[in-house]
């Protein structure tokens, strides 16, 4: 079993970094390019499968709120598994949350992303 190790966010895979930047900028067209065609994203217990569902999720997720996002940490689990931690503050219920974005890679693309409170 591999022990997760803290890394600098700049050490995350390129596609993860580009996804995070595009997602923060609410640029769904760029963000969707980071995923495999059959990828799965899970957020708030709901799963979105394939680029069409994921694209819709990216376009609408959190759109009813105003918030800021700051990438505050990252971990490498192994060559396929990475975690990025974002700190959000805004007008959503509770107003503050740290979310872990757990990525599973398939080569250079994201095959799975699970977003959950840290």
C-alpha atoms as a PDB file:
ATOM      1  CA  UNK A   1       0.000   0.000   0.000  1.00  0.00           C
ATOM      2  CA  UNK A   2       1.311   3.431  -0.943  1.00  0.00           C
ATOM      3  CA  UNK A   3       1.391   6.137   1.716  1.00  0.00           C
ATOM      4  CA  UNK A   4      -0.095   9.433   0.497  1.00  0.00           C
ATOM      5  CA  UNK A   5       2.430  12.235   0.421  1.00  0.00           C
ATOM      6  CA  UNK A   6       1.840  15.967   0.535  1.00  0.00           C
ATOM      7  CA  UNK A   7       3.034  17.760  -2.575  1.00  0.00           C
ATOM      8  CA  UNK A   8       3.014  21.273  -3.910  1.00  0.00           C
ATOM      9  CA  UNK A   9      -0.100  21.952  -6.048  1.00  0.00           C
ATOM     10  CA  UNK A  10       2.266  22.621  -8.958  1.00  0.00           C
ATOM     11  CA  UNK A  11       3.236  18.914  -8.781  1.00  0.00           C
ATOM     12  CA  UNK A  12      -0.286  17.723  -9.611  1.00  0.00           C
ATOM     13  CA  UNK A  13      -0.650  16.206 -13.103  1.00  0.00           C
ATOM     14  CA  UNK A  14      -0.997  18.828 -15.856  1.00  0.00           C
ATOM     15  CA  UNK A  15      -4.593  17.834 -16.689  1.00  0.00           C
ATOM     16  CA  UNK A  16      -5.612  18.088 -13.031  1.00  0.00           C
ATOM     17  CA  UNK A  17      -4.074  21.563 -12.807  1.00  0.00           C
ATOM     18  CA  UNK A  18      -5.747  22.681 -16.033  1.00  0.00           C
ATOM     19  CA  UNK A  19      -9.088  21.266 -14.873  1.00  0.00           C
ATOM     20  CA  UNK A  20      -8.845  23.027 -11.505  1.00  0.00           C
ATOM     21  CA  UNK A  21      -7.981  26.357 -13.145  1.00  0.00           C
ATOM     22  CA  UNK A  22     -10.801  26.044 -15.688  1.00  0.00           C
ATOM     23  CA  UNK A  23     -13.304  24.890 -13.040  1.00  0.00           C
ATOM     24  CA  UNK A  24     -12.420  27.826 -10.797  1.00  0.00           C
ATOM     25  CA  UNK A  25     -12.833  30.184 -13.772  1.00  0.00           C
ATOM     26  CA  UNK A  26     -16.153  28.462 -14.598  1.00  0.00           C
ATOM     27  CA  UNK A  27     -14.813  27.579 -18.057  1.00  0.00           C
ATOM     28  CA  UNK A  28     -16.689  24.314 -18.660  1.00  0.00           C
ATOM     29  CA  UNK A  29     -15.491  24.023 -22.274  1.00  0.00           C
ATOM     30  CA  UNK A  30     -11.847  23.880 -21.179  1.00  0.00           C
ATOM     31  CA  UNK A  31     -12.551  21.815 -18.042  1.00  0.00           C
ATOM     32  CA  UNK A  32     -14.324  19.028 -19.940  1.00  0.00           C
ATOM     33  CA  UNK A  33     -11.221  18.470 -22.063  1.00  0.00           C
ATOM     34  CA  UNK A  34      -9.433  17.019 -19.042  1.00  0.00           C
ATOM     35  CA  UNK A  35     -11.742  13.956 -18.865  1.00  0.00           C
ATOM     36  CA  UNK A  36     -11.873  10.602 -20.611  1.00  0.00           C
ATOM     37  CA  UNK A  37     -15.047  10.116 -22.712  1.00  0.00           C
ATOM     38  CA  UNK A  38     -16.494   7.693 -20.124  1.00  0.00           C
ATOM     39  CA  UNK A  39     -15.345   9.534 -16.990  1.00  0.00           C
ATOM     40  CA  UNK A  40     -17.462   9.751 -13.832  1.00  0.00           C
ATOM     41  CA  UNK A  41     -17.767  12.773 -11.523  1.00  0.00           C
ATOM     42  CA  UNK A  42     -19.445  12.423  -8.126  1.00  0.00           C
ATOM     43  CA  UNK A  43     -20.482  15.502  -6.150  1.00  0.00           C
ATOM     44  CA  UNK A  44     -22.944  15.734  -3.260  1.00  0.00           C
ATOM     45  CA  UNK A  45     -23.754  12.045  -3.685  1.00  0.00           C
ATOM     46  CA  UNK A  46     -24.783  12.416  -7.345  1.00  0.00           C
ATOM     47  CA  UNK A  47     -22.802  10.844 -10.174  1.00  0.00           C
ATOM     48  CA  UNK A  48     -22.422  12.271 -13.660  1.00  0.00           C
ATOM     49  CA  UNK A  49     -21.243   9.854 -16.361  1.00  0.00           C
ATOM     50  CA  UNK A  50     -19.677  10.707 -19.696  1.00  0.00           C
ATOM     51  CA  UNK A  51     -18.729  14.045 -21.137  1.00  0.00           C
ATOM     52  CA  UNK A  52     -22.318  15.204 -21.802  1.00  0.00           C
ATOM     53  CA  UNK A  53     -23.465  14.778 -18.186  1.00  0.00           C
ATOM     54  CA  UNK A  54     -20.170  16.075 -16.792  1.00  0.00           C
ATOM     55  CA  UNK A  55     -20.316  19.125 -19.052  1.00  0.00           C
ATOM     56  CA  UNK A  56     -23.832  19.921 -17.813  1.00  0.00           C
ATOM     57  CA  UNK A  57     -22.677  19.472 -14.216  1.00  0.00           C
ATOM     58  CA  UNK A  58     -19.712  21.813 -14.788  1.00  0.00           C
ATOM     59  CA  UNK A  59     -21.938  24.481 -16.357  1.00  0.00           C
ATOM     60  CA  UNK A  60     -24.520  24.458 -13.564  1.00  0.00           C
ATOM     61  CA  UNK A  61     -22.760  23.343 -10.367  1.00  0.00           C
ATOM     62  CA  UNK A  62     -22.746  26.114  -7.794  1.00  0.00           C
ATOM     63  CA  UNK A  63     -24.069  28.672 -10.285  1.00  0.00           C
ATOM     64  CA  UNK A  64     -26.694  29.865  -7.810  1.00  0.00           C
ATOM     65  CA  UNK A  65     -23.975  30.976  -5.376  1.00  0.00           C
ATOM     66  CA  UNK A  66     -21.161  33.482  -5.304  1.00  0.00           C
ATOM     67  CA  UNK A  67     -17.928  32.137  -3.838  1.00  0.00           C
ATOM     68  CA  UNK A  68     -14.157  32.220  -3.941  1.00  0.00           C
ATOM     69  CA  UNK A  69     -11.951  29.171  -4.378  1.00  0.00           C
ATOM     70  CA  UNK A  70      -8.384  28.746  -3.153  1.00  0.00           C
ATOM     71  CA  UNK A  71      -6.268  25.652  -3.794  1.00  0.00           C
ATOM     72  CA  UNK A  72      -4.789  24.999  -0.345  1.00  0.00           C
ATOM     73  CA  UNK A  73      -3.181  21.572  -0.592  1.00  0.00           C
ATOM     74  CA  UNK A  74      -2.405  18.513  -2.659  1.00  0.00           C
ATOM     75  CA  UNK A  75      -1.440  14.874  -2.153  1.00  0.00           C
ATOM     76  CA  UNK A  76      -0.124  12.112  -4.372  1.00  0.00           C
ATOM     77  CA  UNK A  77      -1.565   8.728  -3.470  1.00  0.00           C
ATOM     78  CA  UNK A  78       0.111   6.830  -6.337  1.00  0.00           C
ATOM     79  CA  UNK A  79       0.612   7.302 -10.086  1.00  0.00           C
ATOM     80  CA  UNK A  80      -3.139   7.167 -10.775  1.00  0.00           C
ATOM     81  CA  UNK A  81      -4.606   8.804  -7.650  1.00  0.00           C
ATOM     82  CA  UNK A  82      -4.229  12.431  -6.618  1.00  0.00           C
ATOM     83  CA  UNK A  83      -6.057  14.757  -4.212  1.00  0.00           C
ATOM     84  CA  UNK A  84      -6.435  18.527  -4.409  1.00  0.00           C
ATOM     85  CA  UNK A  85      -7.980  20.491  -1.530  1.00  0.00           C
ATOM     86  CA  UNK A  86      -9.908  23.672  -2.276  1.00  0.00           C
ATOM     87  CA  UNK A  87     -11.084  26.156   0.334  1.00  0.00           C
ATOM     88  CA  UNK A  88     -14.389  27.799  -0.643  1.00  0.00           C
ATOM     89  CA  UNK A  89     -16.028  30.823   0.966  1.00  0.00           C
ATOM     90  CA  UNK A  90     -19.294  32.278  -0.252  1.00  0.00           C
ATOM     91  CA  UNK A  91     -23.061  32.558  -0.179  1.00  0.00           C
ATOM     92  CA  UNK A  92     -23.762  28.788  -0.091  1.00  0.00           C
ATOM     93  CA  UNK A  93     -25.201  27.166   3.076  1.00  0.00           C
ATOM     94  CA  UNK A  94     -22.549  27.245   5.803  1.00  0.00           C
ATOM     95  CA  UNK A  95     -20.493  29.824   3.917  1.00  0.00           C
ATOM     96  CA  UNK A  96     -17.132  28.019   4.289  1.00  0.00           C
ATOM     97  CA  UNK A  97     -15.991  24.541   3.268  1.00  0.00           C
ATOM     98  CA  UNK A  98     -12.811  22.640   2.430  1.00  0.00           C
ATOM     99  CA  UNK A  99     -13.449  20.222  -0.419  1.00  0.00           C
ATOM    100  CA  UNK A 100     -11.226  17.310  -1.378  1.00  0.00           C
ATOM    101  CA  UNK A 101     -11.146  16.665  -5.116  1.00  0.00           C
ATOM    102  CA  UNK A 102     -10.073  13.020  -5.463  1.00  0.00           C
ATOM    103  CA  UNK A 103      -8.825  12.265  -8.974  1.00  0.00           C
ATOM    104  CA  UNK A 104      -8.268   8.917 -10.660  1.00  0.00           C
ATOM    105  CA  UNK A 105      -6.215   9.219 -13.812  1.00  0.00           C
ATOM    106  CA  UNK A 106      -6.275   7.090 -16.956  1.00  0.00           C
ATOM    107  CA  UNK A 107      -3.020   8.018 -18.602  1.00  0.00           C
ATOM    108  CA  UNK A 108      -3.002  11.803 -18.923  1.00  0.00           C
ATOM    109  CA  UNK A 109      -6.795  12.203 -18.569  1.00  0.00           C
ATOM    110  CA  UNK A 110      -9.146  12.185 -15.583  1.00  0.00           C
ATOM    111  CA  UNK A 111     -11.223   8.988 -15.418  1.00  0.00           C
ATOM    112  CA  UNK A 112     -12.940   9.731 -12.115  1.00  0.00           C
ATOM    113  CA  UNK A 113     -13.389  12.701  -9.812  1.00  0.00           C
ATOM    114  CA  UNK A 114     -15.042  12.550  -6.408  1.00  0.00           C
ATOM    115  CA  UNK A 115     -15.710  15.878  -4.690  1.00  0.00           C
ATOM    116  CA  UNK A 116     -16.485  15.719  -0.975  1.00  0.00           C
ATOM    117  CA  UNK A 117     -15.904  17.718   2.199  1.00  0.00           C
ATOM    118  CA  UNK A 118     -12.452  17.135   3.555  1.00  0.00           C
END
